[in-house]
């Protein structure tokens, strides 16, 4: 039994060392599950797609990447960004646009591109529930 526990502990250590990490909203997350099981989660850096689950640590609650992105911009700029990056403009109010990325979009690369295009950082929605927002 002690050997089994030692093997399981060693496997956990090995898996945590190889777990993929990504930076979202200025914080580093561990990718704990991907929406596409065929994608490889090994490596120090990887992309994150809509539907993937990330966590601040292996022990914290997983958060689902929804694809919703809050952007501070004018209405015209929000429309331009939506067209340029293939996003849906869901709503706009008081200088903040809600953009939506489709499944299969690498939101970590999208976040970097948007942050280079804008003066204020974007905010990707990370939902603690297993469902998409309604």
C-alpha atoms as a PDB file:
ATOM      1  CA  UNK A   1       0.000   0.000   0.000  1.00  0.00           C
ATOM      2  CA  UNK A   2       2.836   2.397   0.839  1.00  0.00           C
ATOM      3  CA  UNK A   3       4.417   1.692  -2.559  1.00  0.00           C
ATOM      4  CA  UNK A   4       1.126   2.440  -4.301  1.00  0.00           C
ATOM      5  CA  UNK A   5       0.801   5.755  -2.458  1.00  0.00           C
ATOM      6  CA  UNK A   6       4.406   6.642  -3.323  1.00  0.00           C
ATOM      7  CA  UNK A   7       3.803   5.843  -7.018  1.00  0.00           C
ATOM      8  CA  UNK A   8       0.610   7.918  -7.092  1.00  0.00           C
ATOM      9  CA  UNK A   9       2.394  10.824  -5.372  1.00  0.00           C
ATOM     10  CA  UNK A  10       5.267  10.613  -7.866  1.00  0.00           C
ATOM     11  CA  UNK A  11       2.793  10.592 -10.769  1.00  0.00           C
ATOM     12  CA  UNK A  12       1.102  13.688  -9.355  1.00  0.00           C
ATOM     13  CA  UNK A  13       4.447  15.457  -9.092  1.00  0.00           C
ATOM     14  CA  UNK A  14       5.343  14.520 -12.651  1.00  0.00           C
ATOM     15  CA  UNK A  15       1.993  15.671 -13.988  1.00  0.00           C
ATOM     16  CA  UNK A  16       2.166  19.005 -12.164  1.00  0.00           C
ATOM     17  CA  UNK A  17       5.654  19.684 -13.505  1.00  0.00           C
ATOM     18  CA  UNK A  18       4.454  19.122 -17.082  1.00  0.00           C
ATOM     19  CA  UNK A  19       1.108  20.927 -16.709  1.00  0.00           C
ATOM     20  CA  UNK A  20       0.621  23.653 -19.273  1.00  0.00           C
ATOM     21  CA  UNK A  21       0.413  27.215 -18.050  1.00  0.00           C
ATOM     22  CA  UNK A  22      -1.017  30.313 -19.647  1.00  0.00           C
ATOM     23  CA  UNK A  23      -1.340  33.971 -18.724  1.00  0.00           C
ATOM     24  CA  UNK A  24      -4.864  35.403 -18.766  1.00  0.00           C
ATOM     25  CA  UNK A  25      -6.006  38.757 -17.390  1.00  0.00           C
ATOM     26  CA  UNK A  26      -2.488  39.301 -16.067  1.00  0.00           C
ATOM     27  CA  UNK A  27      -2.486  36.130 -13.934  1.00  0.00           C
ATOM     28  CA  UNK A  28      -0.791  32.781 -14.592  1.00  0.00           C
ATOM     29  CA  UNK A  29      -3.165  29.807 -14.782  1.00  0.00           C
ATOM     30  CA  UNK A  30      -2.695  26.054 -15.041  1.00  0.00           C
ATOM     31  CA  UNK A  31      -4.703  24.474 -17.869  1.00  0.00           C
ATOM     32  CA  UNK A  32      -6.571  21.641 -16.139  1.00  0.00           C
ATOM     33  CA  UNK A  33      -8.810  20.469 -18.989  1.00  0.00           C
ATOM     34  CA  UNK A  34      -9.262  21.272 -22.648  1.00  0.00           C
ATOM     35  CA  UNK A  35     -12.517  21.443 -24.588  1.00  0.00           C
ATOM     36  CA  UNK A  36     -10.782  19.441 -27.337  1.00  0.00           C
ATOM     37  CA  UNK A  37      -9.361  16.256 -25.807  1.00  0.00           C
ATOM     38  CA  UNK A  38      -7.073  15.758 -28.821  1.00  0.00           C
ATOM     39  CA  UNK A  39      -5.064  18.879 -27.918  1.00  0.00           C
ATOM     40  CA  UNK A  40      -1.807  18.341 -26.090  1.00  0.00           C
ATOM     41  CA  UNK A  41      -1.588  19.994 -22.663  1.00  0.00           C
ATOM     42  CA  UNK A  42       2.168  19.441 -22.279  1.00  0.00           C
ATOM     43  CA  UNK A  43       4.592  22.315 -22.411  1.00  0.00           C
ATOM     44  CA  UNK A  44       5.369  25.453 -20.503  1.00  0.00           C
ATOM     45  CA  UNK A  45       3.123  27.719 -22.606  1.00  0.00           C
ATOM     46  CA  UNK A  46       0.062  26.888 -24.661  1.00  0.00           C
ATOM     47  CA  UNK A  47      -3.022  28.490 -26.068  1.00  0.00           C
ATOM     48  CA  UNK A  48      -6.387  28.434 -24.373  1.00  0.00           C
ATOM     49  CA  UNK A  49      -9.587  27.881 -26.304  1.00  0.00           C
ATOM     50  CA  UNK A  50     -13.190  28.707 -25.482  1.00  0.00           C
ATOM     51  CA  UNK A  51     -14.459  25.924 -23.205  1.00  0.00           C
ATOM     52  CA  UNK A  52     -11.078  25.068 -21.681  1.00  0.00           C
ATOM     53  CA  UNK A  53     -10.786  24.948 -17.906  1.00  0.00           C
ATOM     54  CA  UNK A  54      -8.023  26.788 -16.070  1.00  0.00           C
ATOM     55  CA  UNK A  55      -7.132  27.219 -12.389  1.00  0.00           C
ATOM     56  CA  UNK A  56      -4.771  29.425 -10.410  1.00  0.00           C
ATOM     57  CA  UNK A  57      -3.275  26.240  -8.942  1.00  0.00           C
ATOM     58  CA  UNK A  58      -3.892  22.518  -9.115  1.00  0.00           C
ATOM     59  CA  UNK A  59      -5.841  22.804  -5.829  1.00  0.00           C
ATOM     60  CA  UNK A  60      -8.073  25.757  -6.760  1.00  0.00           C
ATOM     61  CA  UNK A  61     -11.512  25.645  -8.352  1.00  0.00           C
ATOM     62  CA  UNK A  62     -11.391  25.263 -12.135  1.00  0.00           C
ATOM     63  CA  UNK A  63     -12.726  28.174 -14.184  1.00  0.00           C
ATOM     64  CA  UNK A  64     -14.218  27.805 -17.658  1.00  0.00           C
ATOM     65  CA  UNK A  65     -12.997  30.126 -20.423  1.00  0.00           C
ATOM     66  CA  UNK A  66     -16.293  31.395 -21.863  1.00  0.00           C
ATOM     67  CA  UNK A  67     -15.068  33.469 -24.797  1.00  0.00           C
ATOM     68  CA  UNK A  68     -16.675  36.643 -23.424  1.00  0.00           C
ATOM     69  CA  UNK A  69     -14.340  39.627 -23.514  1.00  0.00           C
ATOM     70  CA  UNK A  70     -14.923  43.045 -21.941  1.00  0.00           C
ATOM     71  CA  UNK A  71     -13.252  45.896 -23.800  1.00  0.00           C
ATOM     72  CA  UNK A  72     -13.149  49.602 -22.932  1.00  0.00           C
ATOM     73  CA  UNK A  73     -13.505  51.354 -26.279  1.00  0.00           C
ATOM     74  CA  UNK A  74     -15.796  53.578 -28.281  1.00  0.00           C
ATOM     75  CA  UNK A  75     -18.702  51.967 -30.123  1.00  0.00           C
ATOM     76  CA  UNK A  76     -16.926  52.504 -33.458  1.00  0.00           C
ATOM     77  CA  UNK A  77     -13.692  50.971 -32.142  1.00  0.00           C
ATOM     78  CA  UNK A  78     -15.593  47.994 -30.664  1.00  0.00           C
ATOM     79  CA  UNK A  79     -17.249  47.393 -34.059  1.00  0.00           C
ATOM     80  CA  UNK A  80     -13.843  47.635 -35.739  1.00  0.00           C
ATOM     81  CA  UNK A  81     -12.255  45.175 -33.272  1.00  0.00           C
ATOM     82  CA  UNK A  82     -15.132  42.727 -33.715  1.00  0.00           C
ATOM     83  CA  UNK A  83     -14.695  42.809 -37.514  1.00  0.00           C
ATOM     84  CA  UNK A  84     -10.894  42.670 -37.359  1.00  0.00           C
ATOM     85  CA  UNK A  85     -10.723  39.679 -34.987  1.00  0.00           C
ATOM     86  CA  UNK A  86     -13.855  37.768 -36.061  1.00  0.00           C
ATOM     87  CA  UNK A  87     -15.737  38.434 -32.829  1.00  0.00           C
ATOM     88  CA  UNK A  88     -19.426  39.040 -32.173  1.00  0.00           C
ATOM     89  CA  UNK A  89     -20.333  42.371 -30.576  1.00  0.00           C
ATOM     90  CA  UNK A  90     -22.896  41.209 -28.014  1.00  0.00           C
ATOM     91  CA  UNK A  91     -23.582  44.530 -26.289  1.00  0.00           C
ATOM     92  CA  UNK A  92     -22.223  48.008 -25.737  1.00  0.00           C
ATOM     93  CA  UNK A  93     -22.932  50.351 -22.828  1.00  0.00           C
ATOM     94  CA  UNK A  94     -21.153  53.332 -21.292  1.00  0.00           C
ATOM     95  CA  UNK A  95     -17.853  52.819 -23.108  1.00  0.00           C
ATOM     96  CA  UNK A  96     -17.609  49.063 -22.471  1.00  0.00           C
ATOM     97  CA  UNK A  97     -18.187  46.465 -25.171  1.00  0.00           C
ATOM     98  CA  UNK A  98     -18.948  42.816 -24.608  1.00  0.00           C
ATOM     99  CA  UNK A  99     -17.337  40.819 -27.400  1.00  0.00           C
ATOM    100  CA  UNK A 100     -17.717  37.091 -27.881  1.00  0.00           C
ATOM    101  CA  UNK A 101     -15.145  34.686 -29.340  1.00  0.00           C
ATOM    102  CA  UNK A 102     -16.338  31.505 -31.044  1.00  0.00           C
ATOM    103  CA  UNK A 103     -15.334  28.018 -29.917  1.00  0.00           C
ATOM    104  CA  UNK A 104     -11.954  27.073 -31.348  1.00  0.00           C
ATOM    105  CA  UNK A 105     -10.517  30.568 -30.967  1.00  0.00           C
ATOM    106  CA  UNK A 106      -7.226  30.794 -29.064  1.00  0.00           C
ATOM    107  CA  UNK A 107      -8.273  33.391 -26.482  1.00  0.00           C
ATOM    108  CA  UNK A 108      -4.801  33.773 -24.979  1.00  0.00           C
ATOM    109  CA  UNK A 109      -3.423  34.900 -28.370  1.00  0.00           C
ATOM    110  CA  UNK A 110      -6.526  37.035 -28.909  1.00  0.00           C
ATOM    111  CA  UNK A 111      -6.071  38.712 -25.524  1.00  0.00           C
ATOM    112  CA  UNK A 112      -2.469  39.601 -26.404  1.00  0.00           C
ATOM    113  CA  UNK A 113      -3.480  41.009 -29.790  1.00  0.00           C
ATOM    114  CA  UNK A 114      -6.317  43.070 -28.307  1.00  0.00           C
ATOM    115  CA  UNK A 115      -4.095  44.409 -25.539  1.00  0.00           C
ATOM    116  CA  UNK A 116      -1.596  45.587 -28.168  1.00  0.00           C
ATOM    117  CA  UNK A 117      -4.424  47.348 -30.044  1.00  0.00           C
ATOM    118  CA  UNK A 118      -5.943  49.091 -27.025  1.00  0.00           C
ATOM    119  CA  UNK A 119      -4.775  51.494 -24.334  1.00  0.00           C
ATOM    120  CA  UNK A 120      -6.637  49.663 -21.548  1.00  0.00           C
ATOM    121  CA  UNK A 121      -6.375  45.913 -20.872  1.00  0.00           C
ATOM    122  CA  UNK A 122      -9.202  43.621 -21.905  1.00  0.00           C
ATOM    123  CA  UNK A 123     -10.845  41.261 -19.427  1.00  0.00           C
ATOM    124  CA  UNK A 124     -11.554  37.644 -20.372  1.00  0.00           C
ATOM    125  CA  UNK A 125     -14.465  36.031 -18.549  1.00  0.00           C
ATOM    126  CA  UNK A 126     -13.499  32.984 -16.502  1.00  0.00           C
ATOM    127  CA  UNK A 127     -16.627  31.318 -15.162  1.00  0.00           C
ATOM    128  CA  UNK A 128     -16.514  29.055 -12.075  1.00  0.00           C
ATOM    129  CA  UNK A 129     -19.609  27.170 -13.271  1.00  0.00           C
ATOM    130  CA  UNK A 130     -19.786  24.395 -15.824  1.00  0.00           C
ATOM    131  CA  UNK A 131     -22.201  26.263 -18.039  1.00  0.00           C
ATOM    132  CA  UNK A 132     -21.989  29.183 -20.419  1.00  0.00           C
ATOM    133  CA  UNK A 133     -23.583  32.441 -19.217  1.00  0.00           C
ATOM    134  CA  UNK A 134     -27.149  33.041 -20.424  1.00  0.00           C
END
